[in-house]
Amino acid sequence: MGAVEDAAEDAESAVSSEDDVAMPSPQQLEIAENILNRLNPKDRHELGKMIHHRSLTCGGIAAGLAIFWWLSIQRIGDDPINQSESLVKGITFMTLSYLVPAVVFFASILNAASREKGQPGPALIAGAMFLVMGFFSFEPLVMGLLDSTVEVGNALWQTLRLTILGVGFFFVAKLFIEAFLLNWVMRLEEAFSGMEILAIASQEMSAPEPEPEDAEQADA
């Protein structure tokens, strides 16, 4: 009998160790719950729909911005409406048309990483990048208003195009990040089939807060 009991105990310990292995880390669980609480999908089906909708919209906006850049900047070429020189030597309007959307996109990713992980460093870098790109976007307009040799109409159109590209890629990055994070939550649930993160998040959101009287009675 002793051998049988030892075997049973070994089996139970093996099962418990497997359960320990098949569980997400506390950090993963916390990040997943933060994502679900912020985006609030009702169930797994809606989670999949949200991923699809955000991915589709992200691709559509990105393609539209690429066409806008091609028609309003690339095809015009060396037209005076594309000619401007930044206060920072060597940076032209054409360079800014590549730089602004790319930097805004990566700054948005850093900002999202800081928000989800609760780390200040990426947000500090993202804030500086947003500010610098805002300066470069409005610099043509300011120079057009202050410098009599610069035509105001050209400067206004340059700032408008840079602003459209910057704001557009901010929303592209937002949709891309949300789709990526929701997909990460779905893959996390698939990897740990026994863990229903959606149910945990919905329970925490719907759990009523204890009344003050009940809390005082519990303390007594």
N, C-alpha and C. Protein backbone atom coordinates (compact mmCIF):
# COMPACT_ATOMS: atom_id res chain seq x y z
N MET A 1 0.83 -1.20 0.00
CA MET A 1 0.00 0.00 0.00
C MET A 1 0.87 1.26 0.00
N GLY A 2 1.98 1.17 0.71
CA GLY A 2 2.85 2.34 0.77
C GLY A 2 3.34 2.75 -0.59
N ALA A 3 3.68 1.79 -1.43
CA ALA A 3 4.15 2.09 -2.78
C ALA A 3 3.05 2.76 -3.60
N VAL A 4 1.79 2.25 -3.43
CA VAL A 4 0.66 2.82 -4.16
C VAL A 4 0.43 4.27 -3.75
N GLU A 5 0.49 4.52 -2.42
CA GLU A 5 0.28 5.89 -1.93
C GLU A 5 1.38 6.82 -2.43
N ASP A 6 2.62 6.31 -2.45
CA ASP A 6 3.73 7.13 -2.96
C ASP A 6 3.53 7.46 -4.44
N ALA A 7 3.06 6.49 -5.20
CA ALA A 7 2.82 6.72 -6.63
C ALA A 7 1.72 7.75 -6.84
N ALA A 8 0.66 7.66 -6.01
CA ALA A 8 -0.44 8.62 -6.12
C ALA A 8 0.04 10.02 -5.78
N GLU A 9 0.87 10.13 -4.74
CA GLU A 9 1.39 11.44 -4.36
C GLU A 9 2.29 12.01 -5.48
N ASP A 10 3.10 11.12 -6.09
CA ASP A 10 3.95 11.57 -7.18
C ASP A 10 3.12 12.07 -8.36
N ALA A 11 2.02 11.36 -8.65
CA ALA A 11 1.15 11.77 -9.75
C ALA A 11 0.51 13.12 -9.47
N GLU A 12 0.05 13.32 -8.21
CA GLU A 12 -0.57 14.60 -7.86
C GLU A 12 0.44 15.74 -7.95
N SER A 13 1.66 15.47 -7.48
CA SER A 13 2.68 16.52 -7.55
C SER A 13 3.03 16.84 -9.00
N ALA A 14 3.01 15.80 -9.88
CA ALA A 14 3.30 16.03 -11.30
C ALA A 14 2.21 16.87 -11.94
N VAL A 15 0.93 16.58 -11.57
CA VAL A 15 -0.18 17.36 -12.12
C VAL A 15 -0.11 18.79 -11.67
N SER A 16 0.18 18.99 -10.36
CA SER A 16 0.27 20.35 -9.85
C SER A 16 1.42 21.12 -10.49
N SER A 17 2.55 20.42 -10.75
CA SER A 17 3.67 21.09 -11.40
C SER A 17 3.32 21.46 -12.83
N GLU A 18 2.55 20.59 -13.52
CA GLU A 18 2.12 20.92 -14.88
C GLU A 18 1.20 22.13 -14.87
N ASP A 19 0.30 22.19 -13.84
CA ASP A 19 -0.58 23.35 -13.75
C ASP A 19 0.21 24.61 -13.52
N ASP A 20 1.28 24.51 -12.71
CA ASP A 20 2.11 25.68 -12.46
C ASP A 20 2.79 26.15 -13.73
N VAL A 21 3.23 25.20 -14.54
CA VAL A 21 3.89 25.55 -15.78
C VAL A 21 2.90 26.16 -16.77
N ALA A 22 1.66 25.62 -16.81
CA ALA A 22 0.66 26.04 -17.77
C ALA A 22 -0.13 27.25 -17.29
N MET A 23 0.51 28.16 -16.62
CA MET A 23 -0.14 29.38 -16.16
C MET A 23 0.70 30.57 -16.61
N PRO A 24 0.03 31.66 -17.05
CA PRO A 24 0.80 32.86 -17.44
C PRO A 24 1.43 33.51 -16.22
N SER A 25 2.46 34.26 -16.46
CA SER A 25 3.12 34.97 -15.37
C SER A 25 2.22 36.09 -14.86
N PRO A 26 2.41 36.53 -13.62
CA PRO A 26 1.59 37.64 -13.11
C PRO A 26 1.67 38.89 -13.98
N GLN A 27 2.84 39.17 -14.55
CA GLN A 27 2.98 40.35 -15.41
C GLN A 27 2.15 40.20 -16.68
N GLN A 28 2.20 38.99 -17.30
CA GLN A 28 1.39 38.76 -18.49
C GLN A 28 -0.09 38.91 -18.19
N LEU A 29 -0.52 38.35 -17.07
CA LEU A 29 -1.93 38.41 -16.70
C LEU A 29 -2.36 39.85 -16.44
N GLU A 30 -1.51 40.62 -15.78
CA GLU A 30 -1.85 42.01 -15.49
C GLU A 30 -1.96 42.83 -16.78
N ILE A 31 -1.01 42.63 -17.71
CA ILE A 31 -1.06 43.35 -18.98
C ILE A 31 -2.31 42.98 -19.76
N ALA A 32 -2.63 41.67 -19.79
CA ALA A 32 -3.82 41.22 -20.52
C ALA A 32 -5.09 41.82 -19.94
N GLU A 33 -5.19 41.86 -18.61
CA GLU A 33 -6.38 42.43 -17.97
C GLU A 33 -6.47 43.92 -18.24
N ASN A 34 -5.33 44.63 -18.25
CA ASN A 34 -5.35 46.06 -18.56
C ASN A 34 -5.84 46.31 -19.98
N ILE A 35 -5.39 45.46 -20.91
CA ILE A 35 -5.82 45.61 -22.31
C ILE A 35 -7.33 45.39 -22.43
N LEU A 36 -7.82 44.33 -21.80
CA LEU A 36 -9.24 44.01 -21.90
C LEU A 36 -10.10 45.03 -21.19
N ASN A 37 -9.65 45.54 -20.05
CA ASN A 37 -10.42 46.56 -19.35
C ASN A 37 -10.50 47.86 -20.15
N ARG A 38 -9.45 48.16 -20.91
CA ARG A 38 -9.43 49.40 -21.68
C ARG A 38 -10.24 49.29 -22.96
N LEU A 39 -10.11 48.15 -23.67
CA LEU A 39 -10.82 47.98 -24.95
C LEU A 39 -12.18 47.30 -24.79
N ASN A 40 -12.36 46.55 -23.69
CA ASN A 40 -13.65 46.03 -23.26
C ASN A 40 -14.38 45.17 -24.30
N PRO A 41 -13.78 44.08 -24.79
CA PRO A 41 -14.55 43.12 -25.60
C PRO A 41 -15.47 42.29 -24.70
N LYS A 42 -16.68 41.99 -25.19
CA LYS A 42 -17.65 41.28 -24.36
C LYS A 42 -17.34 39.79 -24.27
N ASP A 43 -16.88 39.20 -25.36
CA ASP A 43 -16.57 37.78 -25.37
C ASP A 43 -15.50 37.52 -26.42
N ARG A 44 -15.15 36.23 -26.57
CA ARG A 44 -14.08 35.87 -27.50
C ARG A 44 -14.46 36.16 -28.94
N HIS A 45 -15.75 36.00 -29.28
CA HIS A 45 -16.20 36.29 -30.64
C HIS A 45 -16.01 37.78 -30.97
N GLU A 46 -16.41 38.63 -30.03
CA GLU A 46 -16.24 40.07 -30.26
C GLU A 46 -14.76 40.45 -30.28
N LEU A 47 -13.95 39.72 -29.52
CA LEU A 47 -12.51 39.95 -29.55
C LEU A 47 -11.95 39.75 -30.95
N GLY A 48 -12.37 38.67 -31.61
CA GLY A 48 -11.94 38.42 -32.97
C GLY A 48 -12.44 39.48 -33.94
N LYS A 49 -13.69 39.95 -33.75
CA LYS A 49 -14.24 40.99 -34.61
C LYS A 49 -13.49 42.30 -34.44
N MET A 50 -13.11 42.62 -33.21
CA MET A 50 -12.36 43.85 -32.96
C MET A 50 -10.99 43.81 -33.62
N ILE A 51 -10.34 42.65 -33.58
CA ILE A 51 -9.04 42.51 -34.25
C ILE A 51 -9.19 42.72 -35.75
N HIS A 52 -10.22 42.08 -36.34
CA HIS A 52 -10.44 42.20 -37.78
C HIS A 52 -10.77 43.64 -38.17
N HIS A 53 -11.67 44.28 -37.41
CA HIS A 53 -12.10 45.64 -37.76
C HIS A 53 -10.94 46.62 -37.67
N ARG A 54 -10.14 46.51 -36.63
CA ARG A 54 -9.01 47.44 -36.47
C ARG A 54 -7.95 47.20 -37.53
N SER A 55 -7.70 45.94 -37.87
CA SER A 55 -6.71 45.64 -38.90
C SER A 55 -7.16 46.16 -40.26
N LEU A 56 -8.44 45.97 -40.57
CA LEU A 56 -8.98 46.42 -41.85
C LEU A 56 -8.92 47.95 -41.95
N THR A 57 -9.35 48.63 -40.89
CA THR A 57 -9.34 50.09 -40.90
C THR A 57 -7.92 50.64 -40.96
N CYS A 58 -7.01 49.99 -40.23
CA CYS A 58 -5.61 50.41 -40.24
C CYS A 58 -5.02 50.32 -41.63
N GLY A 59 -5.24 49.21 -42.31
CA GLY A 59 -4.73 49.05 -43.67
C GLY A 59 -5.33 50.05 -44.64
N GLY A 60 -6.64 50.31 -44.49
CA GLY A 60 -7.30 51.26 -45.38
C GLY A 60 -6.76 52.68 -45.21
N ILE A 61 -6.60 53.12 -43.95
CA ILE A 61 -6.09 54.47 -43.70
C ILE A 61 -4.65 54.59 -44.19
N ALA A 62 -3.83 53.55 -43.93
CA ALA A 62 -2.43 53.59 -44.37
C ALA A 62 -2.34 53.68 -45.89
N ALA A 63 -3.16 52.91 -46.59
CA ALA A 63 -3.15 52.97 -48.06
C ALA A 63 -3.62 54.34 -48.55
N GLY A 64 -4.66 54.89 -47.91
CA GLY A 64 -5.14 56.21 -48.29
C GLY A 64 -4.09 57.29 -48.09
N LEU A 65 -3.35 57.21 -46.99
CA LEU A 65 -2.29 58.18 -46.73
C LEU A 65 -1.15 58.03 -47.73
N ALA A 66 -0.84 56.80 -48.11
CA ALA A 66 0.20 56.59 -49.12
C ALA A 66 -0.20 57.19 -50.47
N ILE A 67 -1.47 57.03 -50.85
CA ILE A 67 -1.95 57.63 -52.09
C ILE A 67 -1.93 59.16 -51.99
N PHE A 68 -2.34 59.68 -50.81
CA PHE A 68 -2.31 61.13 -50.60
C PHE A 68 -0.89 61.67 -50.73
N TRP A 69 0.08 60.97 -50.14
CA TRP A 69 1.47 61.40 -50.23
C TRP A 69 1.95 61.36 -51.68
N TRP A 70 1.59 60.33 -52.41
CA TRP A 70 2.04 60.19 -53.79
C TRP A 70 1.46 61.29 -54.67
N LEU A 71 0.16 61.59 -54.50
CA LEU A 71 -0.49 62.58 -55.34
C LEU A 71 -0.11 64.02 -54.97
N SER A 72 -0.01 64.30 -53.67
CA SER A 72 0.16 65.68 -53.23
C SER A 72 1.62 66.08 -53.04
N ILE A 73 2.54 65.11 -52.99
CA ILE A 73 3.94 65.44 -52.73
C ILE A 73 4.85 64.85 -53.81
N GLN A 74 4.81 63.53 -53.97
CA GLN A 74 5.76 62.87 -54.86
C GLN A 74 5.57 63.29 -56.32
N ARG A 75 4.33 63.31 -56.80
CA ARG A 75 4.09 63.62 -58.21
C ARG A 75 4.38 65.08 -58.55
N ILE A 76 4.29 65.97 -57.54
CA ILE A 76 4.55 67.39 -57.78
C ILE A 76 6.04 67.63 -57.96
N GLY A 77 6.87 66.83 -57.28
CA GLY A 77 8.31 66.90 -57.47
C GLY A 77 8.91 68.20 -56.99
N ASP A 78 9.62 68.90 -57.88
CA ASP A 78 10.37 70.10 -57.53
C ASP A 78 9.56 71.38 -57.67
N ASP A 79 8.27 71.27 -57.68
CA ASP A 79 7.42 72.45 -57.74
C ASP A 79 7.71 73.37 -56.54
N PRO A 80 7.59 74.69 -56.69
CA PRO A 80 7.84 75.60 -55.56
C PRO A 80 7.01 75.30 -54.33
N ILE A 81 5.87 74.68 -54.52
CA ILE A 81 5.02 74.36 -53.37
C ILE A 81 5.66 73.30 -52.48
N ASN A 82 6.66 72.59 -53.01
CA ASN A 82 7.39 71.58 -52.23
C ASN A 82 8.76 72.07 -51.77
N GLN A 83 9.07 73.32 -52.05
CA GLN A 83 10.40 73.82 -51.75
C GLN A 83 10.39 74.61 -50.43
N SER A 84 11.10 74.11 -49.45
CA SER A 84 11.30 74.83 -48.19
C SER A 84 12.51 74.24 -47.49
N GLU A 85 13.17 75.07 -46.71
CA GLU A 85 14.36 74.63 -45.98
C GLU A 85 14.13 74.85 -44.50
N SER A 86 14.34 73.81 -43.71
CA SER A 86 14.14 73.91 -42.27
C SER A 86 15.26 74.71 -41.62
N LEU A 87 14.99 75.19 -40.41
CA LEU A 87 16.04 75.85 -39.64
C LEU A 87 17.15 74.87 -39.30
N VAL A 88 16.81 73.59 -39.24
CA VAL A 88 17.82 72.54 -39.05
C VAL A 88 18.42 72.24 -40.42
N LYS A 89 19.70 72.50 -40.57
CA LYS A 89 20.35 72.42 -41.87
C LYS A 89 20.24 71.02 -42.47
N GLY A 90 19.90 70.98 -43.76
CA GLY A 90 19.85 69.72 -44.48
C GLY A 90 18.49 69.06 -44.50
N ILE A 91 17.51 69.59 -43.75
CA ILE A 91 16.17 68.99 -43.71
C ILE A 91 15.25 69.79 -44.62
N THR A 92 14.78 69.16 -45.68
CA THR A 92 13.87 69.80 -46.64
C THR A 92 12.45 69.31 -46.40
N PHE A 93 11.51 69.92 -47.13
CA PHE A 93 10.12 69.51 -47.00
C PHE A 93 9.94 68.06 -47.44
N MET A 94 10.63 67.66 -48.50
CA MET A 94 10.53 66.27 -48.96
C MET A 94 11.03 65.30 -47.90
N THR A 95 12.12 65.67 -47.22
CA THR A 95 12.63 64.82 -46.14
C THR A 95 11.61 64.71 -45.02
N LEU A 96 10.95 65.84 -44.68
CA LEU A 96 9.95 65.83 -43.61
C LEU A 96 8.74 64.98 -43.98
N SER A 97 8.42 64.91 -45.27
CA SER A 97 7.27 64.09 -45.68
C SER A 97 7.50 62.61 -45.42
N TYR A 98 8.77 62.16 -45.37
CA TYR A 98 9.08 60.79 -44.95
C TYR A 98 9.20 60.71 -43.43
N LEU A 99 9.83 61.73 -42.86
CA LEU A 99 10.24 61.67 -41.46
C LEU A 99 9.06 61.77 -40.50
N VAL A 100 8.15 62.70 -40.74
CA VAL A 100 7.05 62.95 -39.79
C VAL A 100 6.19 61.71 -39.59
N PRO A 101 5.63 61.07 -40.64
CA PRO A 101 4.79 59.90 -40.39
C PRO A 101 5.54 58.73 -39.76
N ALA A 102 6.81 58.53 -40.17
CA ALA A 102 7.58 57.41 -39.61
C ALA A 102 7.85 57.61 -38.13
N VAL A 103 8.27 58.81 -37.74
CA VAL A 103 8.59 59.08 -36.34
C VAL A 103 7.33 59.05 -35.48
N VAL A 104 6.23 59.60 -35.99
CA VAL A 104 4.96 59.57 -35.24
C VAL A 104 4.52 58.13 -35.01
N PHE A 105 4.69 57.28 -36.02
CA PHE A 105 4.29 55.87 -35.87
C PHE A 105 5.08 55.18 -34.75
N PHE A 106 6.41 55.33 -34.77
CA PHE A 106 7.23 54.67 -33.76
C PHE A 106 7.06 55.31 -32.39
N ALA A 107 6.81 56.61 -32.35
CA ALA A 107 6.53 57.26 -31.07
C ALA A 107 5.24 56.73 -30.46
N SER A 108 4.25 56.46 -31.29
CA SER A 108 2.99 55.90 -30.80
C SER A 108 3.20 54.51 -30.22
N ILE A 109 4.08 53.71 -30.84
CA ILE A 109 4.38 52.39 -30.32
C ILE A 109 5.07 52.49 -28.95
N LEU A 110 6.01 53.42 -28.82
CA LEU A 110 6.68 53.62 -27.53
C LEU A 110 5.69 54.08 -26.46
N ASN A 111 4.78 54.96 -26.85
CA ASN A 111 3.77 55.44 -25.91
C ASN A 111 2.87 54.31 -25.43
N ALA A 112 2.46 53.43 -26.35
CA ALA A 112 1.62 52.29 -25.97
C ALA A 112 2.38 51.32 -25.07
N ALA A 113 3.66 51.09 -25.37
CA ALA A 113 4.46 50.20 -24.53
C ALA A 113 4.58 50.75 -23.11
N SER A 114 4.74 52.06 -23.00
CA SER A 114 4.82 52.68 -21.67
C SER A 114 3.51 52.54 -20.92
N ARG A 115 2.39 52.72 -21.62
CA ARG A 115 1.09 52.63 -20.97
C ARG A 115 0.78 51.22 -20.50
N GLU A 116 1.05 50.22 -21.31
CA GLU A 116 0.69 48.86 -20.96
C GLU A 116 1.61 48.28 -19.89
N LYS A 117 2.89 48.64 -19.93
CA LYS A 117 3.86 48.08 -18.98
C LYS A 117 4.09 48.97 -17.76
N GLY A 118 3.55 50.19 -17.78
CA GLY A 118 3.73 51.08 -16.65
C GLY A 118 5.16 51.56 -16.48
N GLN A 119 5.86 51.77 -17.60
CA GLN A 119 7.24 52.22 -17.55
C GLN A 119 7.33 53.65 -18.10
N PRO A 120 7.98 54.56 -17.38
CA PRO A 120 8.02 55.97 -17.81
C PRO A 120 8.97 56.25 -18.96
N GLY A 121 10.04 55.46 -19.10
CA GLY A 121 11.07 55.74 -20.09
C GLY A 121 10.55 55.87 -21.51
N PRO A 122 9.82 54.86 -22.04
CA PRO A 122 9.33 54.97 -23.42
C PRO A 122 8.42 56.17 -23.64
N ALA A 123 7.60 56.52 -22.62
CA ALA A 123 6.71 57.67 -22.77
C ALA A 123 7.49 58.98 -22.85
N LEU A 124 8.57 59.08 -22.08
CA LEU A 124 9.40 60.29 -22.15
C LEU A 124 9.98 60.47 -23.56
N ILE A 125 10.49 59.37 -24.13
CA ILE A 125 11.04 59.44 -25.49
C ILE A 125 9.94 59.77 -26.50
N ALA A 126 8.76 59.12 -26.33
CA ALA A 126 7.65 59.36 -27.25
C ALA A 126 7.19 60.81 -27.18
N GLY A 127 7.12 61.38 -25.98
CA GLY A 127 6.70 62.77 -25.85
C GLY A 127 7.65 63.71 -26.56
N ALA A 128 8.96 63.46 -26.42
CA ALA A 128 9.95 64.30 -27.11
C ALA A 128 9.81 64.16 -28.63
N MET A 129 9.57 62.94 -29.11
CA MET A 129 9.43 62.72 -30.55
C MET A 129 8.19 63.41 -31.10
N PHE A 130 7.06 63.35 -30.36
CA PHE A 130 5.85 64.04 -30.79
C PHE A 130 6.08 65.55 -30.87
N LEU A 131 6.75 66.09 -29.86
CA LEU A 131 7.00 67.53 -29.83
C LEU A 131 7.88 67.97 -31.01
N VAL A 132 8.94 67.23 -31.28
CA VAL A 132 9.85 67.60 -32.37
C VAL A 132 9.13 67.52 -33.71
N MET A 133 8.32 66.48 -33.91
CA MET A 133 7.59 66.37 -35.18
C MET A 133 6.52 67.45 -35.30
N GLY A 134 5.92 67.86 -34.18
CA GLY A 134 4.99 68.99 -34.22
C GLY A 134 5.69 70.27 -34.63
N PHE A 135 6.91 70.47 -34.11
CA PHE A 135 7.69 71.65 -34.49
C PHE A 135 7.98 71.65 -35.99
N PHE A 136 8.45 70.51 -36.52
CA PHE A 136 8.77 70.44 -37.94
C PHE A 136 7.52 70.61 -38.81
N SER A 137 6.37 70.14 -38.33
CA SER A 137 5.14 70.24 -39.12
C SER A 137 4.66 71.68 -39.24
N PHE A 138 4.76 72.45 -38.17
CA PHE A 138 4.26 73.83 -38.18
C PHE A 138 5.34 74.85 -38.53
N GLU A 139 6.58 74.38 -38.65
CA GLU A 139 7.66 75.30 -38.99
C GLU A 139 7.45 76.00 -40.33
N PRO A 140 7.02 75.32 -41.41
CA PRO A 140 6.81 76.03 -42.68
C PRO A 140 5.82 77.17 -42.56
N LEU A 141 4.70 76.95 -41.83
CA LEU A 141 3.70 77.99 -41.68
C LEU A 141 4.24 79.18 -40.90
N VAL A 142 4.96 78.90 -39.82
CA VAL A 142 5.52 79.98 -39.01
C VAL A 142 6.54 80.78 -39.82
N MET A 143 7.38 80.09 -40.57
CA MET A 143 8.36 80.78 -41.40
C MET A 143 7.68 81.59 -42.50
N GLY A 144 6.57 81.09 -43.02
CA GLY A 144 5.84 81.84 -44.03
C GLY A 144 5.23 83.12 -43.50
N LEU A 145 4.82 83.08 -42.22
CA LEU A 145 4.24 84.27 -41.60
C LEU A 145 5.31 85.28 -41.20
N LEU A 146 6.50 84.80 -40.86
CA LEU A 146 7.55 85.69 -40.37
C LEU A 146 8.51 86.16 -41.45
N ASP A 147 8.70 85.33 -42.47
CA ASP A 147 9.67 85.64 -43.52
C ASP A 147 8.94 86.15 -44.75
N SER A 148 9.22 87.36 -45.16
CA SER A 148 8.52 87.95 -46.29
C SER A 148 8.90 87.31 -47.62
N THR A 149 10.01 86.60 -47.66
CA THR A 149 10.43 85.96 -48.92
C THR A 149 9.72 84.63 -49.16
N VAL A 150 9.00 84.13 -48.17
CA VAL A 150 8.31 82.84 -48.28
C VAL A 150 6.83 83.11 -48.54
N GLU A 151 6.28 82.48 -49.54
CA GLU A 151 4.86 82.66 -49.86
C GLU A 151 4.00 81.93 -48.83
N VAL A 152 3.05 82.66 -48.25
CA VAL A 152 2.24 82.12 -47.16
C VAL A 152 1.39 80.94 -47.64
N GLY A 153 0.87 81.03 -48.86
CA GLY A 153 0.03 79.95 -49.38
C GLY A 153 0.79 78.64 -49.48
N ASN A 154 2.01 78.69 -49.99
CA ASN A 154 2.83 77.48 -50.07
C ASN A 154 3.17 76.93 -48.69
N ALA A 155 3.50 77.86 -47.77
CA ALA A 155 3.84 77.42 -46.41
C ALA A 155 2.65 76.77 -45.73
N LEU A 156 1.45 77.35 -45.92
CA LEU A 156 0.24 76.78 -45.31
C LEU A 156 -0.04 75.39 -45.87
N TRP A 157 0.11 75.21 -47.19
CA TRP A 157 -0.15 73.91 -47.80
C TRP A 157 0.88 72.87 -47.36
N GLN A 158 2.11 73.30 -47.14
CA GLN A 158 3.13 72.37 -46.65
C GLN A 158 2.79 71.90 -45.22
N THR A 159 2.43 72.83 -44.35
CA THR A 159 2.07 72.46 -42.99
C THR A 159 0.83 71.58 -42.97
N LEU A 160 -0.14 71.88 -43.82
CA LEU A 160 -1.37 71.09 -43.86
C LEU A 160 -1.08 69.65 -44.26
N ARG A 161 -0.23 69.47 -45.27
CA ARG A 161 0.08 68.10 -45.72
C ARG A 161 0.86 67.33 -44.66
N LEU A 162 1.82 67.97 -44.01
CA LEU A 162 2.57 67.30 -42.94
C LEU A 162 1.66 66.94 -41.77
N THR A 163 0.72 67.83 -41.45
CA THR A 163 -0.20 67.56 -40.35
C THR A 163 -1.11 66.38 -40.67
N ILE A 164 -1.61 66.34 -41.91
CA ILE A 164 -2.46 65.22 -42.31
C ILE A 164 -1.70 63.90 -42.21
N LEU A 165 -0.46 63.89 -42.69
CA LEU A 165 0.35 62.66 -42.63
C LEU A 165 0.64 62.27 -41.17
N GLY A 166 1.00 63.25 -40.34
CA GLY A 166 1.33 62.94 -38.95
C GLY A 166 0.13 62.44 -38.17
N VAL A 167 -1.00 63.16 -38.26
CA VAL A 167 -2.21 62.75 -37.54
C VAL A 167 -2.73 61.43 -38.09
N GLY A 168 -2.68 61.27 -39.40
CA GLY A 168 -3.15 60.02 -40.00
C GLY A 168 -2.36 58.82 -39.53
N PHE A 169 -1.04 58.93 -39.49
CA PHE A 169 -0.24 57.80 -39.04
C PHE A 169 -0.31 57.61 -37.53
N PHE A 170 -0.72 58.64 -36.79
CA PHE A 170 -0.99 58.45 -35.36
C PHE A 170 -2.16 57.49 -35.18
N PHE A 171 -3.22 57.67 -35.97
CA PHE A 171 -4.37 56.77 -35.88
C PHE A 171 -4.06 55.40 -36.47
N VAL A 172 -3.23 55.36 -37.51
CA VAL A 172 -2.79 54.06 -38.05
C VAL A 172 -2.06 53.27 -36.96
N ALA A 173 -1.15 53.94 -36.27
CA ALA A 173 -0.41 53.27 -35.20
C ALA A 173 -1.34 52.83 -34.08
N LYS A 174 -2.31 53.68 -33.72
CA LYS A 174 -3.26 53.34 -32.65
C LYS A 174 -4.04 52.08 -32.99
N LEU A 175 -4.58 52.00 -34.20
CA LEU A 175 -5.34 50.82 -34.61
C LEU A 175 -4.45 49.59 -34.71
N PHE A 176 -3.25 49.77 -35.25
CA PHE A 176 -2.31 48.66 -35.37
C PHE A 176 -1.94 48.10 -33.99
N ILE A 177 -1.67 48.99 -33.05
CA ILE A 177 -1.27 48.56 -31.70
C ILE A 177 -2.43 47.85 -31.01
N GLU A 178 -3.64 48.39 -31.13
CA GLU A 178 -4.79 47.75 -30.49
C GLU A 178 -5.05 46.37 -31.09
N ALA A 179 -4.96 46.24 -32.41
CA ALA A 179 -5.14 44.93 -33.04
C ALA A 179 -4.06 43.96 -32.58
N PHE A 180 -2.83 44.44 -32.50
CA PHE A 180 -1.72 43.58 -32.05
C PHE A 180 -1.92 43.14 -30.61
N LEU A 181 -2.33 44.05 -29.73
CA LEU A 181 -2.52 43.70 -28.32
C LEU A 181 -3.68 42.73 -28.12
N LEU A 182 -4.78 42.95 -28.85
CA LEU A 182 -5.91 42.03 -28.74
C LEU A 182 -5.53 40.65 -29.27
N ASN A 183 -4.76 40.61 -30.34
CA ASN A 183 -4.29 39.34 -30.87
C ASN A 183 -3.36 38.65 -29.87
N TRP A 184 -2.55 39.44 -29.17
CA TRP A 184 -1.66 38.87 -28.15
C TRP A 184 -2.47 38.25 -27.02
N VAL A 185 -3.56 38.89 -26.61
CA VAL A 185 -4.43 38.33 -25.56
C VAL A 185 -5.05 37.03 -26.05
N MET A 186 -5.50 37.00 -27.29
CA MET A 186 -6.12 35.78 -27.84
C MET A 186 -5.10 34.64 -27.88
N ARG A 187 -3.88 34.93 -28.31
CA ARG A 187 -2.84 33.88 -28.35
C ARG A 187 -2.45 33.44 -26.94
N LEU A 188 -2.52 34.36 -25.98
CA LEU A 188 -2.22 34.00 -24.60
C LEU A 188 -3.25 33.02 -24.07
N GLU A 189 -4.52 33.25 -24.38
CA GLU A 189 -5.58 32.33 -23.97
C GLU A 189 -5.42 30.97 -24.65
N GLU A 190 -5.00 30.99 -25.92
CA GLU A 190 -4.81 29.72 -26.63
C GLU A 190 -3.63 28.94 -26.05
N ALA A 191 -2.59 29.66 -25.63
CA ALA A 191 -1.42 28.98 -25.07
C ALA A 191 -1.72 28.39 -23.70
N PHE A 192 -2.58 29.07 -22.94
CA PHE A 192 -2.96 28.59 -21.60
C PHE A 192 -4.46 28.33 -21.63
N SER A 193 -4.83 27.19 -22.17
CA SER A 193 -6.23 26.90 -22.44
C SER A 193 -7.09 26.88 -21.18
N GLY A 194 -6.49 26.64 -20.03
CA GLY A 194 -7.27 26.61 -18.80
C GLY A 194 -7.53 27.98 -18.22
N MET A 195 -6.94 29.02 -18.78
CA MET A 195 -7.06 30.36 -18.23
C MET A 195 -7.96 31.20 -19.12
N GLU A 196 -9.13 31.60 -18.59
CA GLU A 196 -10.05 32.45 -19.34
C GLU A 196 -9.86 33.88 -18.87
N ILE A 197 -9.00 34.60 -19.54
CA ILE A 197 -8.66 35.96 -19.12
C ILE A 197 -9.84 36.89 -19.32
N LEU A 198 -10.63 36.65 -20.37
CA LEU A 198 -11.81 37.49 -20.60
C LEU A 198 -12.78 37.42 -19.44
N ALA A 199 -12.99 36.20 -18.92
CA ALA A 199 -13.91 36.04 -17.79
C ALA A 199 -13.37 36.73 -16.55
N ILE A 200 -12.08 36.63 -16.32
CA ILE A 200 -11.48 37.27 -15.15
C ILE A 200 -11.64 38.78 -15.24
N ALA A 201 -11.37 39.34 -16.41
CA ALA A 201 -11.46 40.79 -16.57
C ALA A 201 -12.89 41.28 -16.41
N SER A 202 -13.87 40.53 -16.97
CA SER A 202 -15.27 40.94 -16.85
C SER A 202 -15.76 40.85 -15.42
N GLN A 203 -15.29 39.83 -14.67
CA GLN A 203 -15.67 39.72 -13.27
C GLN A 203 -15.13 40.88 -12.45
N GLU A 204 -13.90 41.27 -12.73
CA GLU A 204 -13.31 42.38 -11.98
C GLU A 204 -14.01 43.70 -12.30
N MET A 205 -14.46 43.86 -13.57
CA MET A 205 -15.13 45.10 -13.93
C MET A 205 -16.52 45.17 -13.33
N SER A 206 -17.21 44.00 -13.21
CA SER A 206 -18.58 43.99 -12.70
C SER A 206 -18.66 43.78 -11.21
N ALA A 207 -17.54 43.49 -10.55
CA ALA A 207 -17.57 43.24 -9.10
C ALA A 207 -17.92 44.52 -8.37
N PRO A 208 -18.98 44.51 -7.49
CA PRO A 208 -19.34 45.72 -6.76
C PRO A 208 -18.32 46.05 -5.69
N GLU A 209 -18.13 47.34 -5.47
CA GLU A 209 -17.21 47.76 -4.42
C GLU A 209 -17.87 47.60 -3.06
N PRO A 210 -17.14 47.18 -2.05
CA PRO A 210 -17.73 47.00 -0.72
C PRO A 210 -18.20 48.31 -0.14
N GLU A 211 -19.38 48.28 0.50
CA GLU A 211 -19.91 49.48 1.13
C GLU A 211 -19.11 49.80 2.37
N PRO A 212 -19.07 51.09 2.74
CA PRO A 212 -18.28 51.47 3.92
C PRO A 212 -18.71 50.77 5.19
N GLU A 213 -20.05 50.57 5.36
CA GLU A 213 -20.52 49.92 6.58
C GLU A 213 -20.03 48.48 6.66
N ASP A 214 -20.10 47.78 5.49
CA ASP A 214 -19.63 46.38 5.49
C ASP A 214 -18.15 46.31 5.81
N ALA A 215 -17.39 47.27 5.29
CA ALA A 215 -15.96 47.28 5.55
C ALA A 215 -15.69 47.51 7.03
N GLU A 216 -16.47 48.42 7.67
CA GLU A 216 -16.27 48.66 9.10
C GLU A 216 -16.62 47.43 9.92
N GLN A 217 -17.72 46.74 9.53
CA GLN A 217 -18.08 45.52 10.27
C GLN A 217 -17.02 44.45 10.11
N ALA A 218 -16.44 44.36 8.90
CA ALA A 218 -15.40 43.35 8.69
C ALA A 218 -14.18 43.66 9.54
N ASP A 219 -13.83 44.97 9.67
CA ASP A 219 -12.70 45.34 10.50
C ASP A 219 -12.97 45.05 11.95
N ALA A 220 -14.26 45.25 12.42
CA ALA A 220 -14.60 44.95 13.80
C ALA A 220 -14.52 43.46 14.06
